[in-house]
N, C-alpha and C. Protein backbone atom coordinates (compact mmCIF):
# COMPACT_ATOMS: atom_id res chain seq x y z
N MET A 1 0.84 -1.19 0.00
CA MET A 1 0.00 0.00 0.00
C MET A 1 0.88 1.25 0.00
N GLU A 2 0.56 2.21 -0.85
CA GLU A 2 1.34 3.44 -0.95
C GLU A 2 1.08 4.33 0.26
N ASN A 3 2.16 4.85 0.85
CA ASN A 3 2.02 5.78 1.97
C ASN A 3 1.49 7.12 1.47
N THR A 4 0.69 7.76 2.27
CA THR A 4 0.26 9.12 2.01
C THR A 4 0.40 9.90 3.29
N VAL A 5 0.32 11.23 3.20
CA VAL A 5 0.38 12.06 4.39
C VAL A 5 -0.71 11.63 5.36
N GLN A 6 -1.89 11.33 4.83
CA GLN A 6 -3.01 10.89 5.67
C GLN A 6 -2.69 9.57 6.37
N ASP A 7 -2.09 8.64 5.64
CA ASP A 7 -1.74 7.35 6.24
C ASP A 7 -0.69 7.51 7.34
N LEU A 8 0.28 8.38 7.11
CA LEU A 8 1.37 8.55 8.06
C LEU A 8 0.98 9.34 9.30
N TYR A 9 0.19 10.39 9.11
CA TYR A 9 -0.04 11.34 10.20
C TYR A 9 -1.50 11.54 10.57
N GLY A 10 -2.42 10.92 9.84
CA GLY A 10 -3.85 11.16 10.06
C GLY A 10 -4.42 10.45 11.26
N LYS A 11 -5.52 11.02 11.76
CA LYS A 11 -6.31 10.42 12.84
C LYS A 11 -5.54 10.27 14.15
N LYS A 12 -4.57 11.12 14.38
CA LYS A 12 -3.86 11.13 15.66
C LYS A 12 -3.28 12.53 15.88
N LEU A 13 -3.09 12.87 17.13
CA LEU A 13 -2.49 14.15 17.47
C LEU A 13 -0.98 14.04 17.33
N ARG A 14 -0.38 15.00 16.65
CA ARG A 14 1.08 15.06 16.55
C ARG A 14 1.57 16.29 17.27
N LEU A 15 2.56 16.11 18.11
CA LEU A 15 3.24 17.23 18.74
C LEU A 15 4.53 17.44 17.97
N ARG A 16 4.68 18.64 17.41
CA ARG A 16 5.82 18.94 16.55
C ARG A 16 6.64 20.08 17.14
N ALA A 17 7.91 20.13 16.79
CA ALA A 17 8.79 21.24 17.13
C ALA A 17 9.40 21.74 15.83
N CYS A 18 9.40 23.06 15.67
CA CYS A 18 9.88 23.69 14.44
C CYS A 18 10.88 24.78 14.79
N GLY A 19 11.83 25.00 13.89
CA GLY A 19 12.85 26.02 14.12
C GLY A 19 12.79 27.11 13.07
N LEU A 20 12.86 28.35 13.52
CA LEU A 20 12.93 29.50 12.62
C LEU A 20 14.39 29.92 12.54
N CYS A 21 14.98 29.69 11.37
CA CYS A 21 16.41 29.93 11.14
C CYS A 21 16.55 31.06 10.13
N VAL A 22 17.03 32.20 10.60
CA VAL A 22 17.20 33.38 9.75
C VAL A 22 18.69 33.60 9.51
N HIS A 23 19.03 33.87 8.24
CA HIS A 23 20.43 34.14 7.86
C HIS A 23 20.43 35.20 6.77
N GLU A 24 21.10 36.31 7.05
CA GLU A 24 21.25 37.39 6.08
C GLU A 24 19.91 37.83 5.49
N GLY A 25 18.92 38.03 6.36
CA GLY A 25 17.62 38.52 5.91
C GLY A 25 16.78 37.50 5.17
N ARG A 26 17.08 36.23 5.34
CA ARG A 26 16.34 35.17 4.67
C ARG A 26 15.97 34.11 5.70
N LEU A 27 14.80 33.49 5.51
CA LEU A 27 14.31 32.44 6.41
C LEU A 27 14.42 31.09 5.72
N LEU A 28 14.93 30.10 6.44
CA LEU A 28 15.06 28.75 5.89
C LEU A 28 13.69 28.10 5.82
N LEU A 29 13.31 27.67 4.61
CA LEU A 29 12.02 27.01 4.39
C LEU A 29 12.22 25.74 3.58
N LEU A 30 11.34 24.78 3.83
CA LEU A 30 11.28 23.53 3.07
C LEU A 30 9.99 23.50 2.26
N ASN A 31 10.08 23.05 1.03
CA ASN A 31 8.92 22.85 0.19
C ASN A 31 8.52 21.38 0.29
N HIS A 32 7.26 21.15 0.67
CA HIS A 32 6.74 19.80 0.89
C HIS A 32 5.75 19.41 -0.20
N ALA A 33 5.80 18.17 -0.62
CA ALA A 33 4.80 17.61 -1.54
C ALA A 33 3.66 17.02 -0.71
N SER A 34 2.51 16.92 -1.30
CA SER A 34 1.36 16.20 -0.75
C SER A 34 0.69 16.86 0.45
N LEU A 35 1.06 18.08 0.80
CA LEU A 35 0.39 18.76 1.90
C LEU A 35 -0.66 19.74 1.39
N SER A 36 -0.59 20.07 0.12
CA SER A 36 -1.58 20.91 -0.54
C SER A 36 -1.43 20.64 -2.03
N SER A 37 -2.28 21.25 -2.83
CA SER A 37 -2.08 21.11 -4.27
C SER A 37 -0.96 22.06 -4.66
N GLY A 38 0.13 21.51 -5.13
CA GLY A 38 1.28 22.33 -5.47
C GLY A 38 2.25 22.46 -4.32
N ASP A 39 2.96 23.57 -4.30
CA ASP A 39 3.98 23.81 -3.29
C ASP A 39 3.37 24.03 -1.91
N PHE A 40 4.14 23.67 -0.88
CA PHE A 40 3.78 24.04 0.49
C PHE A 40 5.08 24.29 1.25
N TRP A 41 5.33 25.56 1.56
CA TRP A 41 6.56 25.98 2.21
C TRP A 41 6.34 26.10 3.71
N ALA A 42 7.27 25.55 4.49
CA ALA A 42 7.18 25.60 5.95
C ALA A 42 8.59 25.53 6.54
N PRO A 43 8.76 26.07 7.75
CA PRO A 43 10.06 25.94 8.42
C PRO A 43 10.36 24.48 8.75
N PRO A 44 11.62 24.11 8.83
CA PRO A 44 11.99 22.75 9.20
C PRO A 44 11.46 22.38 10.59
N GLY A 45 11.13 21.12 10.75
CA GLY A 45 10.66 20.62 12.04
C GLY A 45 9.99 19.28 11.85
N GLY A 46 9.53 18.72 12.96
CA GLY A 46 8.87 17.44 12.87
C GLY A 46 8.39 16.95 14.22
N GLY A 47 7.92 15.73 14.22
CA GLY A 47 7.32 15.14 15.41
C GLY A 47 8.31 14.87 16.53
N ILE A 48 7.90 15.25 17.73
CA ILE A 48 8.71 14.98 18.92
C ILE A 48 8.52 13.52 19.30
N GLU A 49 9.61 12.82 19.50
CA GLU A 49 9.56 11.42 19.88
C GLU A 49 9.42 11.28 21.39
N PHE A 50 8.87 10.16 21.83
CA PHE A 50 8.69 9.91 23.26
C PHE A 50 10.03 10.04 23.97
N GLY A 51 10.07 10.84 25.05
CA GLY A 51 11.28 11.02 25.83
C GLY A 51 12.24 12.07 25.29
N GLU A 52 11.91 12.68 24.16
CA GLU A 52 12.77 13.67 23.52
C GLU A 52 12.28 15.08 23.87
N THR A 53 13.19 15.99 24.15
CA THR A 53 12.80 17.37 24.38
C THR A 53 12.49 18.04 23.05
N ALA A 54 11.75 19.13 23.11
CA ALA A 54 11.43 19.89 21.89
C ALA A 54 12.72 20.39 21.23
N GLU A 55 13.64 20.86 22.04
CA GLU A 55 14.91 21.37 21.49
C GLU A 55 15.70 20.26 20.81
N ALA A 56 15.75 19.08 21.43
CA ALA A 56 16.47 17.95 20.83
C ALA A 56 15.80 17.53 19.53
N CYS A 57 14.48 17.62 19.48
CA CYS A 57 13.75 17.29 18.25
C CYS A 57 14.16 18.23 17.12
N ILE A 58 14.26 19.51 17.41
CA ILE A 58 14.65 20.47 16.37
C ILE A 58 16.05 20.17 15.87
N VAL A 59 16.97 19.89 16.77
CA VAL A 59 18.34 19.55 16.36
C VAL A 59 18.31 18.33 15.44
N ARG A 60 17.58 17.29 15.83
CA ARG A 60 17.49 16.07 15.02
C ARG A 60 16.85 16.33 13.67
N GLU A 61 15.71 17.04 13.68
CA GLU A 61 14.99 17.31 12.44
C GLU A 61 15.81 18.17 11.47
N PHE A 62 16.51 19.17 11.99
CA PHE A 62 17.34 19.98 11.11
C PHE A 62 18.43 19.13 10.46
N LYS A 63 19.03 18.25 11.24
CA LYS A 63 20.07 17.37 10.68
C LYS A 63 19.48 16.47 9.60
N GLU A 64 18.31 15.87 9.87
CA GLU A 64 17.68 14.97 8.90
C GLU A 64 17.22 15.71 7.65
N GLU A 65 16.61 16.88 7.82
CA GLU A 65 15.97 17.57 6.70
C GLU A 65 16.87 18.54 5.96
N THR A 66 17.87 19.11 6.67
CA THR A 66 18.67 20.18 6.05
C THR A 66 20.17 19.91 6.04
N GLY A 67 20.62 18.91 6.79
CA GLY A 67 22.05 18.64 6.90
C GLY A 67 22.78 19.58 7.85
N LEU A 68 22.07 20.51 8.48
CA LEU A 68 22.71 21.50 9.35
C LEU A 68 22.70 21.08 10.81
N GLU A 69 23.77 21.43 11.51
CA GLU A 69 23.86 21.31 12.97
C GLU A 69 23.42 22.66 13.51
N VAL A 70 22.40 22.69 14.37
CA VAL A 70 21.86 23.96 14.84
C VAL A 70 21.92 24.09 16.35
N THR A 71 21.87 25.35 16.78
CA THR A 71 21.72 25.68 18.19
C THR A 71 20.33 26.29 18.35
N VAL A 72 19.56 25.74 19.27
CA VAL A 72 18.19 26.18 19.48
C VAL A 72 18.17 27.25 20.57
N GLY A 73 17.47 28.34 20.28
CA GLY A 73 17.35 29.44 21.22
C GLY A 73 16.02 29.41 21.94
N ARG A 74 15.43 30.56 22.09
CA ARG A 74 14.23 30.73 22.91
C ARG A 74 12.97 30.21 22.22
N PHE A 75 12.01 29.81 23.05
CA PHE A 75 10.69 29.45 22.58
C PHE A 75 9.99 30.72 22.11
N LEU A 76 9.31 30.66 20.96
CA LEU A 76 8.64 31.84 20.41
C LEU A 76 7.12 31.76 20.56
N PHE A 77 6.50 30.71 20.00
CA PHE A 77 5.04 30.62 20.01
C PHE A 77 4.62 29.20 19.69
N ALA A 78 3.32 28.94 19.84
CA ALA A 78 2.74 27.64 19.50
C ALA A 78 1.56 27.85 18.58
N CYS A 79 1.27 26.86 17.78
CA CYS A 79 0.06 26.92 16.96
C CYS A 79 -0.57 25.53 16.90
N GLU A 80 -1.87 25.53 16.64
CA GLU A 80 -2.62 24.28 16.53
C GLU A 80 -3.32 24.25 15.18
N PHE A 81 -3.17 23.13 14.50
CA PHE A 81 -3.79 22.93 13.19
C PHE A 81 -4.73 21.73 13.29
N ILE A 82 -6.00 21.95 12.97
CA ILE A 82 -6.96 20.85 12.91
C ILE A 82 -7.71 20.97 11.59
N LYS A 83 -7.48 20.02 10.72
CA LYS A 83 -8.22 19.90 9.47
C LYS A 83 -8.23 18.42 9.16
N GLN A 84 -9.37 17.79 9.37
CA GLN A 84 -9.47 16.34 9.24
C GLN A 84 -8.80 15.86 7.96
N PRO A 85 -7.98 14.83 8.07
CA PRO A 85 -7.75 13.93 9.20
C PRO A 85 -6.53 14.33 10.05
N LEU A 86 -5.99 15.56 9.85
CA LEU A 86 -4.76 15.95 10.53
C LEU A 86 -5.04 16.82 11.76
N HIS A 87 -4.23 16.63 12.79
CA HIS A 87 -4.29 17.44 14.00
C HIS A 87 -2.87 17.54 14.53
N ALA A 88 -2.35 18.77 14.58
CA ALA A 88 -0.98 18.98 15.07
C ALA A 88 -0.92 20.19 15.99
N VAL A 89 -0.10 20.07 17.02
CA VAL A 89 0.28 21.20 17.86
C VAL A 89 1.77 21.40 17.60
N GLU A 90 2.14 22.62 17.23
CA GLU A 90 3.51 22.92 16.86
C GLU A 90 4.11 23.95 17.79
N LEU A 91 5.32 23.67 18.27
CA LEU A 91 6.07 24.58 19.11
C LEU A 91 7.19 25.18 18.27
N PHE A 92 7.22 26.50 18.17
CA PHE A 92 8.22 27.17 17.34
C PHE A 92 9.30 27.80 18.22
N PHE A 93 10.54 27.54 17.85
CA PHE A 93 11.71 28.06 18.54
C PHE A 93 12.59 28.82 17.56
N GLU A 94 13.35 29.74 18.10
CA GLU A 94 14.36 30.45 17.32
C GLU A 94 15.58 29.55 17.19
N VAL A 95 16.18 29.50 16.00
CA VAL A 95 17.46 28.84 15.80
C VAL A 95 18.51 29.95 15.79
N THR A 96 19.44 29.91 16.74
CA THR A 96 20.37 31.02 16.92
C THR A 96 21.65 30.89 16.12
N SER A 97 22.03 29.67 15.74
CA SER A 97 23.22 29.49 14.92
C SER A 97 23.15 28.14 14.22
N PHE A 98 23.94 28.03 13.16
CA PHE A 98 24.01 26.77 12.43
C PHE A 98 25.38 26.62 11.80
N GLU A 99 25.72 25.38 11.49
CA GLU A 99 26.94 25.10 10.73
C GLU A 99 26.70 23.87 9.88
N GLY A 100 27.52 23.75 8.85
CA GLY A 100 27.39 22.62 7.94
C GLY A 100 26.96 23.09 6.57
N SER A 101 26.77 22.13 5.68
CA SER A 101 26.34 22.41 4.31
C SER A 101 24.86 22.17 4.17
N LEU A 102 24.17 23.15 3.63
CA LEU A 102 22.73 23.04 3.41
C LEU A 102 22.47 21.97 2.34
N THR A 103 21.77 20.90 2.75
CA THR A 103 21.51 19.77 1.87
C THR A 103 20.09 19.27 2.11
N LEU A 104 19.31 19.12 1.05
CA LEU A 104 17.97 18.58 1.19
C LEU A 104 18.04 17.15 1.69
N GLY A 105 17.40 16.90 2.81
CA GLY A 105 17.43 15.58 3.41
C GLY A 105 16.18 14.78 3.12
N THR A 106 15.85 13.91 4.06
CA THR A 106 14.71 13.02 3.88
C THR A 106 13.85 13.01 5.14
N ASP A 107 12.66 12.48 5.00
CA ASP A 107 11.75 12.27 6.11
C ASP A 107 11.76 10.78 6.40
N PRO A 108 12.43 10.34 7.48
CA PRO A 108 12.55 8.91 7.75
C PRO A 108 11.22 8.20 7.92
N GLU A 109 10.20 8.90 8.41
CA GLU A 109 8.89 8.27 8.63
C GLU A 109 8.22 7.90 7.30
N ALA A 110 8.54 8.63 6.25
CA ALA A 110 7.85 8.45 4.98
C ALA A 110 8.38 7.26 4.18
N GLY A 111 9.59 6.83 4.43
CA GLY A 111 10.14 5.71 3.66
C GLY A 111 10.74 6.19 2.35
N GLN A 112 11.50 5.32 1.72
CA GLN A 112 12.23 5.66 0.49
C GLN A 112 11.33 6.03 -0.69
N ASP A 113 10.19 5.37 -0.80
CA ASP A 113 9.34 5.56 -1.98
C ASP A 113 8.36 6.71 -1.87
N PHE A 114 8.29 7.36 -0.71
CA PHE A 114 7.31 8.43 -0.53
C PHE A 114 7.94 9.59 0.23
N GLN A 115 8.87 10.27 -0.38
CA GLN A 115 9.50 11.41 0.26
C GLN A 115 8.70 12.68 -0.05
N ILE A 116 8.42 13.46 1.00
CA ILE A 116 7.61 14.66 0.80
C ILE A 116 8.45 15.93 0.70
N LEU A 117 9.74 15.86 1.01
CA LEU A 117 10.59 17.03 0.94
C LEU A 117 11.06 17.24 -0.50
N ARG A 118 10.76 18.42 -1.04
CA ARG A 118 11.08 18.72 -2.44
C ARG A 118 12.25 19.66 -2.63
N GLU A 119 12.29 20.72 -1.83
CA GLU A 119 13.27 21.78 -2.04
C GLU A 119 13.55 22.45 -0.70
N LEU A 120 14.75 22.96 -0.55
CA LEU A 120 15.19 23.60 0.68
C LEU A 120 15.99 24.84 0.29
N ARG A 121 15.64 25.98 0.91
CA ARG A 121 16.44 27.17 0.65
C ARG A 121 16.12 28.28 1.63
N PHE A 122 17.08 29.20 1.75
CA PHE A 122 16.86 30.42 2.50
C PHE A 122 16.10 31.37 1.58
N VAL A 123 14.90 31.76 2.00
CA VAL A 123 14.02 32.58 1.16
C VAL A 123 14.02 34.01 1.70
N PRO A 124 14.32 35.00 0.85
CA PRO A 124 14.29 36.41 1.30
C PRO A 124 12.88 36.81 1.73
N TRP A 125 12.81 37.67 2.75
CA TRP A 125 11.51 38.11 3.27
C TRP A 125 10.58 38.61 2.16
N PRO A 126 11.04 39.45 1.20
CA PRO A 126 10.11 39.91 0.15
C PRO A 126 9.55 38.77 -0.70
N ASP A 127 10.33 37.71 -0.92
CA ASP A 127 9.85 36.56 -1.70
C ASP A 127 8.82 35.75 -0.92
N ILE A 128 8.97 35.69 0.40
CA ILE A 128 7.98 34.99 1.23
C ILE A 128 6.63 35.68 1.10
N ARG A 129 6.65 37.00 1.08
CA ARG A 129 5.41 37.78 0.96
C ARG A 129 4.64 37.43 -0.32
N LYS A 130 5.35 37.01 -1.36
CA LYS A 130 4.73 36.70 -2.65
C LYS A 130 4.11 35.31 -2.72
N ILE A 131 4.41 34.45 -1.76
CA ILE A 131 3.86 33.09 -1.77
C ILE A 131 2.39 33.14 -1.35
N GLU A 132 1.52 32.55 -2.14
CA GLU A 132 0.09 32.54 -1.83
C GLU A 132 -0.17 31.78 -0.54
N SER A 133 -1.18 32.23 0.21
CA SER A 133 -1.42 31.70 1.56
C SER A 133 -1.66 30.19 1.58
N GLU A 134 -2.25 29.61 0.54
CA GLU A 134 -2.47 28.16 0.55
C GLU A 134 -1.20 27.36 0.28
N HIS A 135 -0.11 28.06 -0.04
CA HIS A 135 1.15 27.39 -0.34
C HIS A 135 2.24 27.66 0.69
N ILE A 136 1.84 28.20 1.85
CA ILE A 136 2.81 28.49 2.91
C ILE A 136 2.15 28.19 4.26
N HIS A 137 2.98 27.86 5.24
CA HIS A 137 2.47 27.53 6.58
C HIS A 137 1.53 28.63 7.05
N GLY A 138 0.43 28.23 7.67
CA GLY A 138 -0.61 29.17 8.10
C GLY A 138 -0.18 30.19 9.14
N ILE A 139 0.92 29.95 9.84
CA ILE A 139 1.35 30.91 10.86
C ILE A 139 1.69 32.25 10.23
N PHE A 140 2.06 32.27 8.95
CA PHE A 140 2.39 33.54 8.30
C PHE A 140 1.17 34.45 8.18
N ASN A 141 -0.03 33.91 8.29
CA ASN A 141 -1.24 34.74 8.27
C ASN A 141 -1.36 35.62 9.50
N PHE A 142 -0.61 35.32 10.55
CA PHE A 142 -0.69 36.09 11.79
C PHE A 142 0.38 37.16 11.90
N ALA A 143 1.28 37.21 10.94
CA ALA A 143 2.34 38.22 10.93
C ALA A 143 2.01 39.28 9.88
N GLN A 144 2.11 40.56 10.25
CA GLN A 144 1.78 41.64 9.32
C GLN A 144 2.69 41.63 8.10
N GLU A 145 3.90 41.17 8.28
CA GLU A 145 4.83 40.95 7.19
C GLU A 145 5.68 39.75 7.59
N PRO A 146 6.25 39.04 6.62
CA PRO A 146 6.94 37.79 6.94
C PRO A 146 8.00 37.90 8.04
N ALA A 147 8.81 38.96 8.04
CA ALA A 147 9.87 39.08 9.04
C ALA A 147 9.30 39.21 10.45
N LYS A 148 8.05 39.63 10.57
CA LYS A 148 7.43 39.80 11.89
C LYS A 148 7.07 38.45 12.52
N ILE A 149 7.24 37.36 11.79
CA ILE A 149 6.98 36.04 12.38
C ILE A 149 7.88 35.82 13.60
N MET A 150 9.06 36.42 13.59
CA MET A 150 9.98 36.28 14.71
C MET A 150 9.48 37.01 15.96
N ASP A 151 8.52 37.91 15.80
CA ASP A 151 7.97 38.68 16.92
C ASP A 151 6.69 38.07 17.49
N LEU A 152 6.15 37.03 16.85
CA LEU A 152 4.91 36.44 17.33
C LEU A 152 5.14 35.78 18.69
N ARG A 153 4.13 35.92 19.56
CA ARG A 153 4.12 35.28 20.87
C ARG A 153 2.71 34.83 21.15
N GLY A 154 2.56 33.68 21.78
CA GLY A 154 1.24 33.21 22.15
C GLY A 154 0.89 31.90 21.49
N TYR A 155 -0.42 31.64 21.44
CA TYR A 155 -0.96 30.38 20.93
C TYR A 155 -1.92 30.73 19.79
N PHE A 156 -1.67 30.16 18.62
CA PHE A 156 -2.44 30.50 17.42
C PHE A 156 -3.17 29.27 16.90
N LYS A 157 -4.44 29.46 16.52
CA LYS A 157 -5.22 28.38 15.91
C LYS A 157 -5.26 28.61 14.42
N LEU A 158 -4.78 27.60 13.68
CA LEU A 158 -4.72 27.73 12.21
C LEU A 158 -5.96 27.13 11.58
């Protein structure tokens, strides 16, 4: 049976940790397949494993998805996404430094035949503003401009 996003993550609550990594006025974003029709850009992150801290999850996910070794800074905000069959609570942290070569990685949960990661790059703030709302993580709807995402605090329902 072919894996799908629904098969992998549907009908259960996922607790995720995500990192906002800014470098030279650009935010690191991943383009995901199968999360919407067409592109879907979101910051790196993923599911927290049992016994793992949110910060450790971000370090692991960045290594898996981007090839970068990161230092996790302060907690910024949380958001909740519920759209059947998916339900996720995401904790967003600032990434204060990184090292290594930026390399598109893989999603180990998805398996070899169903990789959802398409593209990885530091996207300039003005270019983020041009991405249509259905093709970018919903948290950007709460920031007056993309760079203001770093100023968000609180709990947001997407």
